[in-house]
């Protein structure tokens, strides 16, 4: 898609075009960045007469991402889409943009550069610092290429633990992130309940785990701790995409992150032991930050939830992009079902069960 150029004053001409008071040239593409320009001005990021270069750089299942070049520098703008893929009815309120903005602001105060700096917010969108792709690489991309660094996993475990510890048992944060409806629609329903519909053998277990997760209110949860949402840059890992942020069970974040490492063991068996080393490093670093309860309690809930989230990657409503073949799905689903039917209550035991399940006979 071409770059979109518009100045603050040209915005008024664009509005006239849209209302029919002026005629659009025949070769006009019809792209209208008017709302973006309005928002930038209201956030005091664009002064009258300034020129903005707006480049779409991403369009995922729930949002649009733009690189915006201004006279004083480059920023990133994220705008929530009115419909989101993989949810039951396809809709989620655009207020999730504000939820993400608030999570980033709070997490920035806790872990600094491990999350992007936010610059301003308007209904349905917000602006944040731009992370140059020449200096930041997706953790998922590194893992898939065999660039598997346990110290990165440990940094992520420490960072996540710091956020959970700093927000645990905090009534004000709990009120601020009482986003149960969003979390249910974006996480509980498509990951756990949809998987229960597809997997009747373990349906009762999955529904019980969903209920237990919804009832736990302990700390601020990111909700989508996936390797795809980490950029590894010169200052270490940076966590993005907190649209599902919710005050709930921190074990969910732990289990979701580890579920991706277990799936990677199946998809890239030649690096299985390296992924499991990352798993161990993450758990060790995270456990050191658990202060809101006995570490064994968080560990147990994460261990019980972990195979359910692994199974969801294969059979739920949010398919894993890196799992293209039916055979891959069943190779992931089989060991996960067995752990749901015969659960273990420690993350270390899940790791060893997974290693054993994937070892050659």
Protein backbone atom coordinates (compact mmCIF):
# COMPACT_ATOMS: atom_id res chain seq x y z
CA UNK A 1 0.00 0.00 0.00
CA UNK A 2 1.30 3.46 -0.88
CA UNK A 3 2.35 6.01 1.73
CA UNK A 4 -0.32 8.55 2.61
CA UNK A 5 0.74 12.20 2.89
CA UNK A 6 -1.48 14.78 4.54
CA UNK A 7 -0.96 18.05 6.37
CA UNK A 8 -3.12 19.40 9.16
CA UNK A 9 -4.66 21.97 6.77
CA UNK A 10 -5.20 19.44 3.97
CA UNK A 11 -7.35 17.47 6.38
CA UNK A 12 -10.20 19.95 5.81
CA UNK A 13 -9.99 19.43 2.04
CA UNK A 14 -10.16 15.68 2.63
CA UNK A 15 -13.31 16.12 4.71
CA UNK A 16 -14.94 18.10 1.88
CA UNK A 17 -14.08 15.32 -0.55
CA UNK A 18 -15.67 12.75 1.72
CA UNK A 19 -18.84 14.79 2.20
CA UNK A 20 -19.29 15.40 -1.52
CA UNK A 21 -18.65 19.15 -1.30
CA UNK A 22 -15.63 18.64 -3.56
CA UNK A 23 -15.03 16.18 -6.38
CA UNK A 24 -12.43 13.48 -5.94
CA UNK A 25 -9.99 13.13 -8.87
CA UNK A 26 -10.52 10.02 -10.96
CA UNK A 27 -7.11 8.61 -10.01
CA UNK A 28 -7.60 9.14 -6.24
CA UNK A 29 -7.21 5.87 -4.36
CA UNK A 30 -9.95 6.68 -1.88
CA UNK A 31 -7.66 6.17 1.13
CA UNK A 32 -8.65 8.59 3.88
CA UNK A 33 -6.24 9.22 6.76
CA UNK A 34 -8.40 12.04 8.09
CA UNK A 35 -9.18 10.32 11.36
CA UNK A 36 -5.50 9.62 11.91
CA UNK A 37 -4.56 13.26 11.32
CA UNK A 38 -7.31 14.40 13.67
CA UNK A 39 -6.05 12.07 16.35
CA UNK A 40 -2.41 13.09 15.93
CA UNK A 41 -3.39 16.74 16.29
CA UNK A 42 -5.46 16.06 19.42
CA UNK A 43 -2.54 14.16 20.93
CA UNK A 44 -0.32 17.24 20.25
CA UNK A 45 1.89 15.13 18.00
CA UNK A 46 1.10 17.11 14.84
CA UNK A 47 1.05 20.91 14.76
CA UNK A 48 -0.84 23.04 12.26
CA UNK A 49 0.95 23.02 8.92
CA UNK A 50 3.07 19.98 9.77
CA UNK A 51 3.18 17.14 7.30
CA UNK A 52 2.73 13.44 8.15
CA UNK A 53 3.81 10.45 6.10
CA UNK A 54 1.57 7.51 7.04
CA UNK A 55 2.60 4.01 6.00
CA UNK A 56 0.52 0.92 6.84
CA UNK A 57 2.96 -1.70 8.14
CA UNK A 58 0.70 -4.36 9.61
CA UNK A 59 -2.88 -5.60 9.62
CA UNK A 60 -3.39 -8.47 12.03
CA UNK A 61 -6.52 -10.14 13.26
CA UNK A 62 -7.44 -7.30 15.59
CA UNK A 63 -5.70 -4.07 14.64
CA UNK A 64 -3.98 -1.96 12.02
CA UNK A 65 -0.43 -0.70 12.56
CA UNK A 66 1.01 2.42 10.92
CA UNK A 67 4.43 3.98 10.77
CA UNK A 68 3.95 7.74 10.93
CA UNK A 69 6.85 10.00 9.97
CA UNK A 70 6.54 13.50 11.38
CA UNK A 71 8.81 16.51 11.20
CA UNK A 72 10.30 15.74 14.60
CA UNK A 73 10.58 11.94 14.28
CA UNK A 74 8.91 8.61 13.52
CA UNK A 75 6.19 7.05 15.67
CA UNK A 76 3.90 4.04 15.53
CA UNK A 77 0.09 4.27 15.62
CA UNK A 78 -2.08 1.27 16.44
CA UNK A 79 -5.78 1.36 15.61
CA UNK A 80 -8.24 -1.30 16.81
CA UNK A 81 -10.35 -2.98 14.15
CA UNK A 82 -14.10 -3.15 14.85
CA UNK A 83 -14.10 -6.90 14.26
CA UNK A 84 -11.55 -9.43 15.41
CA UNK A 85 -10.83 -12.82 13.93
CA UNK A 86 -11.31 -16.05 15.87
CA UNK A 87 -13.81 -14.78 18.46
CA UNK A 88 -17.31 -16.22 18.75
CA UNK A 89 -19.26 -13.39 17.09
CA UNK A 90 -16.30 -11.62 15.52
CA UNK A 91 -16.63 -8.44 17.58
CA UNK A 92 -14.79 -6.94 20.51
CA UNK A 93 -15.21 -3.41 21.83
CA UNK A 94 -12.71 -0.85 20.56
CA UNK A 95 -12.12 0.09 24.20
CA UNK A 96 -9.50 -2.67 24.16
CA UNK A 97 -7.22 -0.06 22.55
CA UNK A 98 -7.49 2.00 25.73
CA UNK A 99 -6.86 -1.14 27.80
CA UNK A 100 -3.64 -1.79 25.90
CA UNK A 101 -2.57 1.83 26.23
CA UNK A 102 -3.13 1.71 30.00
CA UNK A 103 -1.26 -1.62 30.30
CA UNK A 104 1.73 -0.23 28.38
CA UNK A 105 1.80 2.90 30.53
CA UNK A 106 1.72 0.92 33.77
CA UNK A 107 4.16 -1.77 32.59
CA UNK A 108 6.57 0.92 31.38
CA UNK A 109 6.72 2.28 34.92
CA UNK A 110 7.61 -1.21 36.17
CA UNK A 111 9.98 -2.64 33.53
CA UNK A 112 11.08 0.42 31.54
CA UNK A 113 12.32 -0.30 28.02
CA UNK A 114 10.90 -3.84 28.08
CA UNK A 115 7.68 -2.28 26.71
CA UNK A 116 7.29 0.58 24.21
CA UNK A 117 6.83 4.13 25.45
CA UNK A 118 3.32 5.44 24.77
CA UNK A 119 2.88 8.96 23.42
CA UNK A 120 -0.84 9.61 23.42
CA UNK A 121 -4.30 8.13 23.05
CA UNK A 122 -7.55 8.85 21.26
CA UNK A 123 -10.70 6.69 21.05
CA UNK A 124 -9.87 3.48 19.21
CA UNK A 125 -6.16 4.18 18.70
CA UNK A 126 -2.97 5.21 20.42
CA UNK A 127 0.55 6.32 19.51
CA UNK A 128 3.78 4.80 20.80
CA UNK A 129 7.46 4.83 20.04
CA UNK A 130 8.55 3.29 16.75
CA UNK A 131 10.83 0.26 17.05
CA UNK A 132 13.07 0.07 13.99
CA UNK A 133 12.77 -3.40 12.38
CA UNK A 134 16.44 -3.18 11.38
CA UNK A 135 17.30 -3.27 15.09
CA UNK A 136 14.47 -5.43 16.45
CA UNK A 137 13.71 -9.04 15.51
CA UNK A 138 10.69 -11.12 16.43
CA UNK A 139 11.49 -13.73 19.06
CA UNK A 140 9.27 -16.15 17.15
CA UNK A 141 11.40 -15.66 14.04
CA UNK A 142 14.61 -16.35 15.98
CA UNK A 143 13.18 -19.49 17.57
CA UNK A 144 11.98 -20.84 14.22
CA UNK A 145 15.43 -20.30 12.70
CA UNK A 146 17.22 -22.13 15.50
CA UNK A 147 18.58 -18.98 17.15
CA UNK A 148 17.56 -20.20 20.61
CA UNK A 149 19.03 -18.27 23.53
CA UNK A 150 18.10 -19.34 27.09
CA UNK A 151 19.19 -15.95 28.43
CA UNK A 152 16.45 -14.33 26.34
CA UNK A 153 13.88 -16.68 27.86
CA UNK A 154 15.22 -15.88 31.33
CA UNK A 155 14.95 -12.12 30.69
CA UNK A 156 11.35 -12.61 29.60
CA UNK A 157 10.56 -14.68 32.70
CA UNK A 158 12.05 -12.03 34.98
CA UNK A 159 10.23 -9.21 33.22
CA UNK A 160 6.88 -10.98 33.38
CA UNK A 161 7.41 -11.83 37.03
CA UNK A 162 8.21 -8.19 37.84
CA UNK A 163 4.95 -7.00 36.27
CA UNK A 164 2.92 -9.62 38.10
CA UNK A 165 4.63 -8.94 41.44
CA UNK A 166 4.25 -5.15 41.17
CA UNK A 167 0.52 -5.38 40.47
CA UNK A 168 -0.46 -8.29 42.72
CA UNK A 169 -3.20 -7.71 45.29
CA UNK A 170 -3.62 -4.13 44.09
CA UNK A 171 -7.24 -3.01 44.30
CA UNK A 172 -6.73 0.09 42.14
CA UNK A 173 -5.12 -1.93 39.33
CA UNK A 174 -7.82 -4.57 39.64
CA UNK A 175 -10.50 -1.89 39.16
CA UNK A 176 -8.63 -0.34 36.25
CA UNK A 177 -8.34 -3.67 34.43
CA UNK A 178 -11.70 -5.26 35.22
CA UNK A 179 -11.87 -6.44 31.61
CA UNK A 180 -13.45 -9.84 32.16
CA UNK A 181 -15.69 -9.58 29.08
CA UNK A 182 -12.80 -8.80 26.74
CA UNK A 183 -10.60 -11.54 28.22
CA UNK A 184 -13.40 -14.07 27.98
CA UNK A 185 -14.12 -13.25 24.33
CA UNK A 186 -10.48 -13.05 23.24
CA UNK A 187 -8.86 -15.78 25.35
CA UNK A 188 -11.18 -18.04 27.36
CA UNK A 189 -13.77 -18.74 24.67
CA UNK A 190 -11.54 -19.24 21.59
CA UNK A 191 -8.73 -21.04 23.41
CA UNK A 192 -10.40 -23.16 26.09
CA UNK A 193 -14.12 -23.42 25.42
CA UNK A 194 -13.86 -23.75 21.63
CA UNK A 195 -11.24 -26.45 22.14
CA UNK A 196 -13.62 -28.21 24.53
CA UNK A 197 -16.23 -28.29 21.75
CA UNK A 198 -13.70 -29.81 19.35
CA UNK A 199 -12.25 -32.30 21.86
CA UNK A 200 -15.07 -34.09 23.72
CA UNK A 201 -12.68 -36.53 25.40
CA UNK A 202 -11.21 -33.71 27.51
CA UNK A 203 -14.11 -31.23 27.31
CA UNK A 204 -15.02 -31.40 31.00
CA UNK A 205 -11.41 -30.79 32.01
CA UNK A 206 -11.08 -27.80 29.69
CA UNK A 207 -14.31 -26.23 30.95
CA UNK A 208 -13.15 -26.63 34.55
CA UNK A 209 -9.83 -24.96 33.71
CA UNK A 210 -11.69 -22.11 32.02
CA UNK A 211 -13.84 -21.61 35.11
CA UNK A 212 -10.83 -21.73 37.45
CA UNK A 213 -8.96 -19.20 35.32
CA UNK A 214 -11.86 -16.75 35.23
CA UNK A 215 -12.25 -16.90 39.01
CA UNK A 216 -8.61 -16.18 39.90
CA UNK A 217 -7.97 -12.47 40.56
CA UNK A 218 -4.37 -12.03 41.65
CA UNK A 219 -2.36 -9.72 39.37
CA UNK A 220 -2.28 -7.86 36.07
CA UNK A 221 -2.17 -10.32 33.17
CA UNK A 222 -0.92 -9.42 29.69
CA UNK A 223 -3.03 -12.12 28.07
CA UNK A 224 -1.01 -12.81 24.91
CA UNK A 225 2.54 -13.65 25.97
CA UNK A 226 3.57 -15.21 22.68
CA UNK A 227 6.99 -15.20 20.95
CA UNK A 228 5.25 -13.29 18.14
CA UNK A 229 4.67 -10.42 20.56
CA UNK A 230 8.28 -10.02 21.62
CA UNK A 231 10.84 -8.01 19.71
CA UNK A 232 14.46 -8.70 20.61
CA UNK A 233 16.43 -5.49 20.31
CA UNK A 234 19.61 -3.80 21.56
CA UNK A 235 18.07 -3.28 25.02
CA UNK A 236 16.68 -6.80 25.30
CA UNK A 237 13.16 -8.21 24.80
CA UNK A 238 10.28 -5.79 24.24
CA UNK A 239 6.72 -6.99 24.85
CA UNK A 240 3.89 -5.71 22.63
CA UNK A 241 0.15 -6.28 22.03
CA UNK A 242 -1.62 -6.10 25.38
CA UNK A 243 -5.16 -5.87 23.99
CA UNK A 244 -6.27 -8.77 26.21
CA UNK A 245 -4.85 -7.27 29.43
CA UNK A 246 -6.91 -8.32 32.44
CA UNK A 247 -6.64 -8.47 36.21
CA UNK A 248 -6.67 -12.18 36.82
CA UNK A 249 -4.44 -15.23 37.09
CA UNK A 250 -0.74 -14.66 36.29
CA UNK A 251 -0.43 -18.41 35.70
CA UNK A 252 -2.21 -17.82 32.39
CA UNK A 253 0.67 -15.68 31.07
CA UNK A 254 3.20 -18.27 32.20
CA UNK A 255 1.34 -21.19 30.64
CA UNK A 256 0.69 -19.39 27.35
CA UNK A 257 4.34 -18.46 26.88
CA UNK A 258 5.54 -21.98 27.69
CA UNK A 259 2.91 -23.52 25.41
CA UNK A 260 4.64 -21.98 22.41
CA UNK A 261 7.96 -23.53 23.40
CA UNK A 262 6.35 -26.98 23.73
CA UNK A 263 4.73 -26.64 20.30
CA UNK A 264 8.11 -25.61 18.86
CA UNK A 265 9.57 -28.88 20.19
CA UNK A 266 7.13 -30.77 17.96
CA UNK A 267 7.52 -28.61 14.86
CA UNK A 268 11.34 -28.48 15.04
CA UNK A 269 12.40 -31.70 16.78
CA UNK A 270 16.07 -31.14 15.92
CA UNK A 271 16.09 -28.26 18.43
CA UNK A 272 13.85 -29.87 21.05
CA UNK A 273 16.42 -29.84 23.85
CA UNK A 274 17.29 -26.19 23.18
CA UNK A 275 13.63 -25.17 23.44
CA UNK A 276 13.29 -27.12 26.67
CA UNK A 277 16.39 -25.37 28.02
CA UNK A 278 14.62 -22.06 27.33
CA UNK A 279 11.55 -23.44 29.11
CA UNK A 280 13.68 -24.20 32.18
CA UNK A 281 15.41 -20.81 32.09
CA UNK A 282 12.08 -18.97 31.84
CA UNK A 283 10.58 -20.91 34.77
CA UNK A 284 13.61 -20.41 37.02
CA UNK A 285 13.76 -16.66 36.40
CA UNK A 286 10.01 -16.19 36.77
CA UNK A 287 9.76 -18.20 40.01
CA UNK A 288 12.28 -15.90 41.69
CA UNK A 289 9.80 -13.02 41.25
CA UNK A 290 6.72 -14.74 42.69
CA UNK A 291 5.92 -12.91 45.93
CA UNK A 292 2.10 -12.78 46.02
CA UNK A 293 1.69 -16.45 46.99
CA UNK A 294 3.84 -19.51 47.42
CA UNK A 295 5.64 -20.11 44.11
CA UNK A 296 4.35 -23.69 44.11
CA UNK A 297 0.79 -22.38 43.86
CA UNK A 298 1.42 -20.39 40.68
CA UNK A 299 3.47 -23.29 39.33
CA UNK A 300 0.63 -25.75 39.91
CA UNK A 301 -2.04 -23.67 38.18
CA UNK A 302 0.29 -23.00 35.23
CA UNK A 303 1.17 -26.70 34.96
CA UNK A 304 -2.50 -27.70 34.87
CA UNK A 305 -3.37 -25.01 32.31
CA UNK A 306 -0.35 -25.54 30.05
CA UNK A 307 -1.48 -28.69 28.16
CA UNK A 308 -4.89 -27.09 27.59
CA UNK A 309 -3.27 -24.13 25.85
CA UNK A 310 -1.00 -26.43 23.85
CA UNK A 311 -4.09 -28.33 22.70
CA UNK A 312 -5.77 -25.03 21.83
CA UNK A 313 -2.94 -24.19 19.42
CA UNK A 314 -3.83 -27.35 17.50
CA UNK A 315 -7.61 -27.51 17.89
CA UNK A 316 -8.92 -24.17 19.19
CA UNK A 317 -10.33 -21.15 17.42
CA UNK A 318 -6.98 -19.34 17.31
CA UNK A 319 -4.82 -21.47 14.99
CA UNK A 320 -1.06 -21.27 15.27
CA UNK A 321 0.40 -19.88 12.05
CA UNK A 322 3.46 -22.12 12.33
CA UNK A 323 1.37 -25.32 12.32
CA UNK A 324 0.44 -25.76 8.65
CA UNK A 325 -0.12 -29.50 8.39
CA UNK A 326 -2.77 -31.78 9.86
CA UNK A 327 -0.07 -34.19 10.95
CA UNK A 328 1.62 -31.44 12.95
CA UNK A 329 -1.65 -30.68 14.72
CA UNK A 330 -2.13 -34.26 15.87
CA UNK A 331 1.49 -34.61 16.96
CA UNK A 332 0.91 -31.59 19.21
CA UNK A 333 -2.60 -32.61 20.31
CA UNK A 334 -1.80 -36.19 21.33
CA UNK A 335 0.64 -35.52 24.20
CA UNK A 336 -1.45 -32.53 25.33
CA UNK A 337 -4.60 -34.68 25.62
CA UNK A 338 -2.70 -37.27 27.64
CA UNK A 339 -1.53 -34.61 30.09
CA UNK A 340 -5.09 -33.35 30.46
CA UNK A 341 -6.37 -36.85 31.18
CA UNK A 342 -3.50 -37.64 33.55
CA UNK A 343 -2.41 -34.22 34.85
CA UNK A 344 0.81 -33.34 36.64
CA UNK A 345 1.06 -30.38 38.99
CA UNK A 346 4.55 -29.01 38.38
CA UNK A 347 5.90 -27.22 35.35
CA UNK A 348 9.08 -29.29 35.59
CA UNK A 349 6.99 -32.46 35.39
CA UNK A 350 5.18 -31.14 32.31
CA UNK A 351 8.53 -30.49 30.66
CA UNK A 352 9.78 -34.01 31.36
CA UNK A 353 6.50 -35.58 30.23
CA UNK A 354 6.75 -33.63 27.00
CA UNK A 355 10.38 -34.66 26.48
CA UNK A 356 9.44 -38.30 27.05
CA UNK A 357 6.44 -38.11 24.70
CA UNK A 358 8.60 -36.74 21.89
CA UNK A 359 11.59 -39.04 22.42
CA UNK A 360 12.16 -41.77 19.83
CA UNK A 361 10.76 -45.12 20.95
